């Protein structure tokens, strides 16, 4: 007997990976929940598990154009700090 992991999408049962089975063959399928196998992790759990410590600058998100495109880093203006358009 062959066991294949599959999921139900609301309309049909689909294998998680393509099975190596002969074409045009009739099979008997028995359905049961997998015992002892955890459910897939959420995206947040995956991000947490795959986070890395690196030496990226702390202000990367605020100045990403400077790092990506090589534009000059300008000191913040008073207008940007206070929400207006005044320049130093």
PDB file of N, CA and C in Angstrom:
ATOM      1  N   UNK A   1       0.839  -1.166   0.000  1.00  0.00           N
ATOM      2  CA  UNK A   1       0.000   0.000   0.000  1.00  0.00           C
ATOM      3  C   UNK A   1       0.895   1.244   0.000  1.00  0.00           C
ATOM      4  N   UNK A   2       0.481   2.289  -0.713  1.00  0.00           N
ATOM      5  CA  UNK A   2       1.215   3.543  -0.816  1.00  0.00           C
ATOM      6  C   UNK A   2       0.444   4.614  -0.060  1.00  0.00           C
ATOM      7  N   UNK A   3       1.139   5.432   0.720  1.00  0.00           N
ATOM      8  CA  UNK A   3       0.520   6.553   1.417  1.00  0.00           C
ATOM      9  C   UNK A   3       0.960   7.849   0.736  1.00  0.00           C
ATOM     10  N   UNK A   4       0.000   8.705   0.471  1.00  0.00           N
ATOM     11  CA  UNK A   4       0.270   9.988  -0.176  1.00  0.00           C
ATOM     12  C   UNK A   4      -0.321  11.094   0.679  1.00  0.00           C
ATOM     13  N   UNK A   5       0.467  12.108   0.991  1.00  0.00           N
ATOM     14  CA  UNK A   5      -0.063  13.270   1.707  1.00  0.00           C
ATOM     15  C   UNK A   5      -0.838  14.136   0.730  1.00  0.00           C
ATOM     16  N   UNK A   6      -2.033  14.536   1.134  1.00  0.00           N
ATOM     17  CA  UNK A   6      -2.896  15.337   0.268  1.00  0.00           C
ATOM     18  C   UNK A   6      -3.691  16.304   1.119  1.00  0.00           C
ATOM     19  N   UNK A   7      -4.346  17.226   0.456  1.00  0.00           N
ATOM     20  CA  UNK A   7      -5.210  18.176   1.150  1.00  0.00           C
ATOM     21  C   UNK A   7      -6.518  18.333   0.369  1.00  0.00           C
ATOM     22  N   UNK A   8      -7.567  18.755   1.068  1.00  0.00           N
ATOM     23  CA  UNK A   8      -8.872  18.963   0.457  1.00  0.00           C
ATOM     24  C   UNK A   8      -9.076  20.458   0.297  1.00  0.00           C
ATOM     25  N   UNK A   9      -9.305  20.929  -0.928  1.00  0.00           N
ATOM     26  CA  UNK A   9      -9.438  22.364  -1.175  1.00  0.00           C
ATOM     27  C   UNK A   9     -10.887  22.838  -1.238  1.00  0.00           C
ATOM     28  N   UNK A  10     -11.805  22.006  -0.826  1.00  0.00           N
ATOM     29  CA  UNK A  10     -13.212  22.367  -0.852  1.00  0.00           C
ATOM     30  C   UNK A  10     -13.968  21.727  -2.009  1.00  0.00           C
ATOM     31  N   UNK A  11     -13.228  21.302  -3.041  1.00  0.00           N
ATOM     32  CA  UNK A  11     -13.841  20.656  -4.192  1.00  0.00           C
ATOM     33  C   UNK A  11     -13.263  19.271  -4.453  1.00  0.00           C
ATOM     34  N   UNK A  12     -11.958  19.148  -4.274  1.00  0.00           N
ATOM     35  CA  UNK A  12     -11.314  17.864  -4.589  1.00  0.00           C
ATOM     36  C   UNK A  12     -10.126  17.620  -3.668  1.00  0.00           C
ATOM     37  N   UNK A  13      -9.702  16.381  -3.615  1.00  0.00           N
ATOM     38  CA  UNK A  13      -8.512  16.013  -2.845  1.00  0.00           C
ATOM     39  C   UNK A  13      -7.330  16.083  -3.802  1.00  0.00           C
ATOM     40  N   UNK A  14      -6.322  16.872  -3.430  1.00  0.00           N
ATOM     41  CA  UNK A  14      -5.151  17.067  -4.289  1.00  0.00           C
ATOM     42  C   UNK A  14      -3.898  16.627  -3.551  1.00  0.00           C
ATOM     43  N   UNK A  15      -3.028  15.850  -4.206  1.00  0.00           N
ATOM     44  CA  UNK A  15      -1.776  15.440  -3.554  1.00  0.00           C
ATOM     45  C   UNK A  15      -0.869  16.648  -3.324  1.00  0.00           C
ATOM     46  N   UNK A  16      -0.135  16.634  -2.203  1.00  0.00           N
ATOM     47  CA  UNK A  16       0.791  17.716  -1.893  1.00  0.00           C
ATOM     48  C   UNK A  16       1.972  17.730  -2.853  1.00  0.00           C
ATOM     49  N   UNK A  17       2.363  16.575  -3.348  1.00  0.00           N
ATOM     50  CA  UNK A  17       3.445  16.442  -4.325  1.00  0.00           C
ATOM     51  C   UNK A  17       2.961  15.488  -5.415  1.00  0.00           C
ATOM     52  N   UNK A  18       3.458  15.654  -6.653  1.00  0.00           N
ATOM     53  CA  UNK A  18       3.020  14.742  -7.719  1.00  0.00           C
ATOM     54  C   UNK A  18       3.391  13.293  -7.388  1.00  0.00           C
ATOM     55  N   UNK A  19       2.421  12.396  -7.342  1.00  0.00           N
ATOM     56  CA  UNK A  19       2.724  10.997  -7.030  1.00  0.00           C
ATOM     57  C   UNK A  19       3.303  10.267  -8.248  1.00  0.00           C
ATOM     58  N   UNK A  20       4.130   9.293  -7.973  1.00  0.00           N
ATOM     59  CA  UNK A  20       4.707   8.472  -9.034  1.00  0.00           C
ATOM     60  C   UNK A  20       3.844   7.221  -9.173  1.00  0.00           C
ATOM     61  N   UNK A  21       2.734   7.356  -9.930  1.00  0.00           N
ATOM     62  CA  UNK A  21       1.774   6.274 -10.096  1.00  0.00           C
ATOM     63  C   UNK A  21       1.556   6.010 -11.582  1.00  0.00           C
ATOM     64  N   UNK A  22       1.213   4.780 -11.929  1.00  0.00           N
ATOM     65  CA  UNK A  22       0.956   4.479 -13.346  1.00  0.00           C
ATOM     66  C   UNK A  22      -0.296   5.207 -13.840  1.00  0.00           C
ATOM     67  N   UNK A  23      -0.237   5.677 -15.081  1.00  0.00           N
ATOM     68  CA  UNK A  23      -1.370   6.388 -15.674  1.00  0.00           C
ATOM     69  C   UNK A  23      -2.501   5.431 -16.023  1.00  0.00           C
ATOM     70  N   UNK A  24      -3.700   5.980 -16.074  1.00  0.00           N
ATOM     71  CA  UNK A  24      -4.909   5.247 -16.486  1.00  0.00           C
ATOM     72  C   UNK A  24      -5.139   3.987 -15.662  1.00  0.00           C
ATOM     73  N   UNK A  25      -4.870   4.063 -14.383  1.00  0.00           N
ATOM     74  CA  UNK A  25      -5.071   2.934 -13.481  1.00  0.00           C
ATOM     75  C   UNK A  25      -6.103   3.338 -12.433  1.00  0.00           C
ATOM     76  N   UNK A  26      -7.002   2.435 -12.104  1.00  0.00           N
ATOM     77  CA  UNK A  26      -8.019   2.701 -11.086  1.00  0.00           C
ATOM     78  C   UNK A  26      -7.439   2.365  -9.722  1.00  0.00           C
ATOM     79  N   UNK A  27      -7.645   3.246  -8.747  1.00  0.00           N
ATOM     80  CA  UNK A  27      -7.138   3.041  -7.382  1.00  0.00           C
ATOM     81  C   UNK A  27      -8.285   3.131  -6.395  1.00  0.00           C
ATOM     82  N   UNK A  28      -8.140   2.477  -5.272  1.00  0.00           N
ATOM     83  CA  UNK A  28      -9.054   2.617  -4.147  1.00  0.00           C
ATOM     84  C   UNK A  28      -8.384   3.571  -3.156  1.00  0.00           C
ATOM     85  N   UNK A  29      -9.108   4.582  -2.759  1.00  0.00           N
ATOM     86  CA  UNK A  29      -8.551   5.607  -1.875  1.00  0.00           C
ATOM     87  C   UNK A  29      -9.235   5.517  -0.525  1.00  0.00           C
ATOM     88  N   UNK A  30      -8.445   5.434   0.513  1.00  0.00           N
ATOM     89  CA  UNK A  30      -8.961   5.475   1.882  1.00  0.00           C
ATOM     90  C   UNK A  30      -8.561   6.820   2.472  1.00  0.00           C
ATOM     91  N   UNK A  31      -9.499   7.474   3.108  1.00  0.00           N
ATOM     92  CA  UNK A  31      -9.240   8.817   3.614  1.00  0.00           C
ATOM     93  C   UNK A  31      -9.194   8.795   5.133  1.00  0.00           C
ATOM     94  N   UNK A  32      -8.140   9.392   5.668  1.00  0.00           N
ATOM     95  CA  UNK A  32      -7.987   9.521   7.113  1.00  0.00           C
ATOM     96  C   UNK A  32      -7.033  10.663   7.406  1.00  0.00           C
ATOM     97  N   UNK A  33      -7.191  11.272   8.554  1.00  0.00           N
ATOM     98  CA  UNK A  33      -6.294  12.367   8.925  1.00  0.00           C
ATOM     99  C   UNK A  33      -4.924  11.814   9.281  1.00  0.00           C
ATOM    100  N   UNK A  34      -3.894  12.578   8.958  1.00  0.00           N
ATOM    101  CA  UNK A  34      -2.533  12.192   9.323  1.00  0.00           C
ATOM    102  C   UNK A  34      -2.382  12.341  10.831  1.00  0.00           C
ATOM    103  N   UNK A  35      -1.887  11.314  11.467  1.00  0.00           N
ATOM    104  CA  UNK A  35      -1.697  11.363  12.920  1.00  0.00           C
ATOM    105  C   UNK A  35      -0.271  11.776  13.237  1.00  0.00           C
ATOM    106  N   UNK A  36      -0.140  12.688  14.169  1.00  0.00           N
ATOM    107  CA  UNK A  36       1.182  13.064  14.656  1.00  0.00           C
ATOM    108  C   UNK A  36       1.945  14.024  13.767  1.00  0.00           C
ATOM    109  N   UNK A  37       1.407  14.416  12.621  1.00  0.00           N
ATOM    110  CA  UNK A  37       2.093  15.371  11.765  1.00  0.00           C
ATOM    111  C   UNK A  37       1.532  16.764  12.031  1.00  0.00           C
ATOM    112  N   UNK A  38       2.405  17.732  12.261  1.00  0.00           N
ATOM    113  CA  UNK A  38       1.909  19.078  12.544  1.00  0.00           C
ATOM    114  C   UNK A  38       1.315  19.722  11.286  1.00  0.00           C
ATOM    115  N   UNK A  39       0.393  20.635  11.506  1.00  0.00           N
ATOM    116  CA  UNK A  39      -0.170  21.396  10.396  1.00  0.00           C
ATOM    117  C   UNK A  39       0.882  22.370   9.895  1.00  0.00           C
ATOM    118  N   UNK A  40       0.787  22.811   8.652  1.00  0.00           N
ATOM    119  CA  UNK A  40       1.764  23.774   8.133  1.00  0.00           C
ATOM    120  C   UNK A  40       1.796  25.032   8.995  1.00  0.00           C
ATOM    121  N   UNK A  41       2.993  25.571   9.146  1.00  0.00           N
ATOM    122  CA  UNK A  41       3.144  26.773   9.968  1.00  0.00           C
ATOM    123  C   UNK A  41       2.608  27.996   9.233  1.00  0.00           C
ATOM    124  N   UNK A  42       2.260  28.995  10.006  1.00  0.00           N
ATOM    125  CA  UNK A  42       1.805  30.237   9.403  1.00  0.00           C
ATOM    126  C   UNK A  42       3.006  30.986   8.828  1.00  0.00           C
ATOM    127  N   UNK A  43       2.731  31.972   8.004  1.00  0.00           N
ATOM    128  CA  UNK A  43       3.803  32.782   7.406  1.00  0.00           C
ATOM    129  C   UNK A  43       4.598  33.500   8.486  1.00  0.00           C
ATOM    130  N   UNK A  44       3.929  33.978   9.532  1.00  0.00           N
ATOM    131  CA  UNK A  44       4.647  34.661  10.614  1.00  0.00           C
ATOM    132  C   UNK A  44       5.573  33.710  11.357  1.00  0.00           C
ATOM    133  N   UNK A  45       5.134  32.476  11.564  1.00  0.00           N
ATOM    134  CA  UNK A  45       5.993  31.499  12.225  1.00  0.00           C
ATOM    135  C   UNK A  45       7.208  31.193  11.354  1.00  0.00           C
ATOM    136  N   UNK A  46       7.002  31.126  10.029  1.00  0.00           N
ATOM    137  CA  UNK A  46       8.128  30.882   9.125  1.00  0.00           C
ATOM    138  C   UNK A  46       9.116  32.044   9.177  1.00  0.00           C
ATOM    139  N   UNK A  47       8.620  33.272   9.142  1.00  0.00           N
ATOM    140  CA  UNK A  47       9.500  34.442   9.210  1.00  0.00           C
ATOM    141  C   UNK A  47      10.301  34.452  10.505  1.00  0.00           C
ATOM    142  N   UNK A  48       9.630  34.142  11.606  1.00  0.00           N
ATOM    143  CA  UNK A  48      10.319  34.112  12.889  1.00  0.00           C
ATOM    144  C   UNK A  48      11.410  33.041  12.905  1.00  0.00           C
ATOM    145  N   UNK A  49      11.116  31.892  12.339  1.00  0.00           N
ATOM    146  CA  UNK A  49      12.079  30.802  12.329  1.00  0.00           C
ATOM    147  C   UNK A  49      13.235  31.007  11.371  1.00  0.00           C
ATOM    148  N   UNK A  50      13.049  31.858  10.366  1.00  0.00           N
ATOM    149  CA  UNK A  50      14.088  32.078   9.370  1.00  0.00           C
ATOM    150  C   UNK A  50      14.720  33.458   9.449  1.00  0.00           C
ATOM    151  N   UNK A  51      14.438  34.195  10.502  1.00  0.00           N
ATOM    152  CA  UNK A  51      15.040  35.519  10.670  1.00  0.00           C
ATOM    153  C   UNK A  51      16.542  35.374  10.883  1.00  0.00           C
ATOM    154  N   UNK A  52      17.285  36.354  10.401  1.00  0.00           N
ATOM    155  CA  UNK A  52      18.736  36.313  10.547  1.00  0.00           C
ATOM    156  C   UNK A  52      19.226  37.583  11.230  1.00  0.00           C
ATOM    157  N   UNK A  53      20.333  37.466  11.918  1.00  0.00           N
ATOM    158  CA  UNK A  53      21.014  38.628  12.465  1.00  0.00           C
ATOM    159  C   UNK A  53      22.061  39.038  11.443  1.00  0.00           C
ATOM    160  N   UNK A  54      22.045  40.279  11.058  1.00  0.00           N
ATOM    161  CA  UNK A  54      23.040  40.750  10.103  1.00  0.00           C
ATOM    162  C   UNK A  54      23.456  42.167  10.460  1.00  0.00           C
ATOM    163  N   UNK A  55      24.275  42.757   9.616  1.00  0.00           N
ATOM    164  CA  UNK A  55      24.804  44.082   9.933  1.00  0.00           C
ATOM    165  C   UNK A  55      24.169  45.172   9.075  1.00  0.00           C
ATOM    166  N   UNK A  56      22.863  45.038   8.781  1.00  0.00           N
ATOM    167  CA  UNK A  56      22.176  46.083   8.040  1.00  0.00           C
ATOM    168  C   UNK A  56      22.063  47.329   8.910  1.00  0.00           C
ATOM    169  N   UNK A  57      22.150  48.506   8.304  1.00  0.00           N
ATOM    170  CA  UNK A  57      22.015  49.726   9.088  1.00  0.00           C
ATOM    171  C   UNK A  57      20.624  49.848   9.703  1.00  0.00           C
ATOM    172  N   UNK A  58      20.555  50.436  10.869  1.00  0.00           N
ATOM    173  CA  UNK A  58      19.281  50.572  11.574  1.00  0.00           C
ATOM    174  C   UNK A  58      18.300  51.450  10.814  1.00  0.00           C
ATOM    175  N   UNK A  59      18.798  52.378   9.995  1.00  0.00           N
ATOM    176  CA  UNK A  59      17.914  53.301   9.280  1.00  0.00           C
ATOM    177  C   UNK A  59      17.628  52.838   7.848  1.00  0.00           C
ATOM    178  N   UNK A  60      17.780  51.580   7.563  1.00  0.00           N
ATOM    179  CA  UNK A  60      17.612  51.072   6.207  1.00  0.00           C
ATOM    180  C   UNK A  60      16.226  51.371   5.650  1.00  0.00           C
ATOM    181  N   UNK A  61      15.186  51.191   6.448  1.00  0.00           N
ATOM    182  CA  UNK A  61      13.843  51.407   5.919  1.00  0.00           C
ATOM    183  C   UNK A  61      13.586  52.869   5.611  1.00  0.00           C
ATOM    184  N   UNK A  62      14.176  53.784   6.376  1.00  0.00           N
ATOM    185  CA  UNK A  62      13.972  55.204   6.137  1.00  0.00           C
ATOM    186  C   UNK A  62      14.777  55.729   4.967  1.00  0.00           C
ATOM    187  N   UNK A  63      15.853  55.073   4.625  1.00  0.00           N
ATOM    188  CA  UNK A  63      16.737  55.558   3.560  1.00  0.00           C
ATOM    189  C   UNK A  63      17.051  54.452   2.548  1.00  0.00           C
ATOM    190  N   UNK A  64      16.072  53.615   2.271  1.00  0.00           N
ATOM    191  CA  UNK A  64      16.333  52.480   1.384  1.00  0.00           C
ATOM    192  C   UNK A  64      16.757  52.911  -0.011  1.00  0.00           C
ATOM    193  N   UNK A  65      16.249  54.036  -0.523  1.00  0.00           N
ATOM    194  CA  UNK A  65      16.680  54.499  -1.849  1.00  0.00           C
ATOM    195  C   UNK A  65      18.173  54.796  -1.873  1.00  0.00           C
ATOM    196  N   UNK A  66      18.680  55.328  -0.779  1.00  0.00           N
ATOM    197  CA  UNK A  66      20.108  55.635  -0.705  1.00  0.00           C
ATOM    198  C   UNK A  66      20.936  54.360  -0.824  1.00  0.00           C
ATOM    199  N   UNK A  67      20.495  53.306  -0.184  1.00  0.00           N
ATOM    200  CA  UNK A  67      21.251  52.067  -0.201  1.00  0.00           C
ATOM    201  C   UNK A  67      21.046  51.302  -1.510  1.00  0.00           C
ATOM    202  N   UNK A  68      19.837  51.351  -2.061  1.00  0.00           N
ATOM    203  CA  UNK A  68      19.553  50.604  -3.289  1.00  0.00           C
ATOM    204  C   UNK A  68      20.106  51.277  -4.535  1.00  0.00           C
ATOM    205  N   UNK A  69      19.929  52.600  -4.615  1.00  0.00           N
ATOM    206  CA  UNK A  69      20.239  53.304  -5.857  1.00  0.00           C
ATOM    207  C   UNK A  69      21.469  54.196  -5.766  1.00  0.00           C
ATOM    208  N   UNK A  70      22.086  54.274  -4.597  1.00  0.00           N
ATOM    209  CA  UNK A  70      23.317  55.038  -4.459  1.00  0.00           C
ATOM    210  C   UNK A  70      23.123  56.537  -4.398  1.00  0.00           C
ATOM    211  N   UNK A  71      21.908  56.999  -4.162  1.00  0.00           N
ATOM    212  CA  UNK A  71      21.714  58.446  -4.060  1.00  0.00           C
ATOM    213  C   UNK A  71      22.367  58.948  -2.781  1.00  0.00           C
ATOM    214  N   UNK A  72      22.661  60.234  -2.779  1.00  0.00           N
ATOM    215  CA  UNK A  72      23.363  60.806  -1.631  1.00  0.00           C
ATOM    216  C   UNK A  72      22.445  60.840  -0.414  1.00  0.00           C
ATOM    217  N   UNK A  73      23.037  60.582   0.727  1.00  0.00           N
ATOM    218  CA  UNK A  73      22.293  60.648   1.980  1.00  0.00           C
ATOM    219  C   UNK A  73      22.294  62.101   2.433  1.00  0.00           C
ATOM    220  N   UNK A  74      21.092  62.685   2.513  1.00  0.00           N
ATOM    221  CA  UNK A  74      20.960  64.074   2.942  1.00  0.00           C
ATOM    222  C   UNK A  74      20.488  64.101   4.384  1.00  0.00           C
ATOM    223  N   UNK A  75      20.978  65.056   5.154  1.00  0.00           N
ATOM    224  CA  UNK A  75      20.472  65.159   6.525  1.00  0.00           C
ATOM    225  C   UNK A  75      18.988  65.523   6.486  1.00  0.00           C
ATOM    226  N   UNK A  76      18.231  65.066   7.452  1.00  0.00           N
ATOM    227  CA  UNK A  76      16.799  65.381   7.454  1.00  0.00           C
ATOM    228  C   UNK A  76      16.583  66.880   7.605  1.00  0.00           C
ATOM    229  N   UNK A  77      15.582  67.410   6.905  1.00  0.00           N
ATOM    230  CA  UNK A  77      15.267  68.831   7.022  1.00  0.00           C
ATOM    231  C   UNK A  77      14.334  69.040   8.202  1.00  0.00           C
ATOM    232  N   UNK A  78      14.272  70.271   8.650  1.00  0.00           N
ATOM    233  CA  UNK A  78      13.366  70.598   9.757  1.00  0.00           C
ATOM    234  C   UNK A  78      11.930  70.332   9.321  1.00  0.00           C
ATOM    235  N   UNK A  79      11.632  70.635   8.057  1.00  0.00           N
ATOM    236  CA  UNK A  79      10.277  70.399   7.549  1.00  0.00           C
ATOM    237  C   UNK A  79       9.896  68.935   7.623  1.00  0.00           C
ATOM    238  N   UNK A  80      10.827  68.050   7.284  1.00  0.00           N
ATOM    239  CA  UNK A  80      10.523  66.618   7.363  1.00  0.00           C
ATOM    240  C   UNK A  80      10.322  66.189   8.801  1.00  0.00           C
ATOM    241  N   UNK A  81      11.078  66.779   9.694  1.00  0.00           N
ATOM    242  CA  UNK A  81      10.970  66.416  11.109  1.00  0.00           C
ATOM    243  C   UNK A  81       9.669  66.930  11.685  1.00  0.00           C
ATOM    244  N   UNK A  82       9.294  68.204  11.336  1.00  0.00           N
ATOM    245  CA  UNK A  82       8.105  68.842  11.912  1.00  0.00           C
ATOM    246  C   UNK A  82       6.866  68.653  11.053  1.00  0.00           C
ATOM    247  N   UNK A  83       7.001  68.064   9.872  1.00  0.00           N
ATOM    248  CA  UNK A  83       5.850  67.845   9.011  1.00  0.00           C
ATOM    249  C   UNK A  83       5.573  69.000   8.071  1.00  0.00           C
ATOM    250  N   UNK A  84       6.464  69.968   7.931  1.00  0.00           N
ATOM    251  CA  UNK A  84       6.284  71.100   7.009  1.00  0.00           C
ATOM    252  C   UNK A  84       7.284  71.035   5.890  1.00  0.00           C
ATOM    253  N   UNK A  85       7.527  72.166   5.228  1.00  0.00           N
ATOM    254  CA  UNK A  85       8.452  72.194   4.102  1.00  0.00           C
ATOM    255  C   UNK A  85       9.685  73.056   4.362  1.00  0.00           C
ATOM    256  N   UNK A  86       9.914  73.489   5.590  1.00  0.00           N
ATOM    257  CA  UNK A  86      11.067  74.337   5.892  1.00  0.00           C
ATOM    258  C   UNK A  86      12.353  73.561   5.767  1.00  0.00           C
ATOM    259  N   UNK A  87      13.375  74.206   5.246  1.00  0.00           N
ATOM    260  CA  UNK A  87      14.699  73.591   5.080  1.00  0.00           C
ATOM    261  C   UNK A  87      15.679  74.221   6.040  1.00  0.00           C
ATOM    262  N   UNK A  88      16.730  73.490   6.381  1.00  0.00           N
ATOM    263  CA  UNK A  88      17.803  74.050   7.227  1.00  0.00           C
ATOM    264  C   UNK A  88      18.602  75.043   6.457  1.00  0.00           C
TER     265      UNK A  88
END
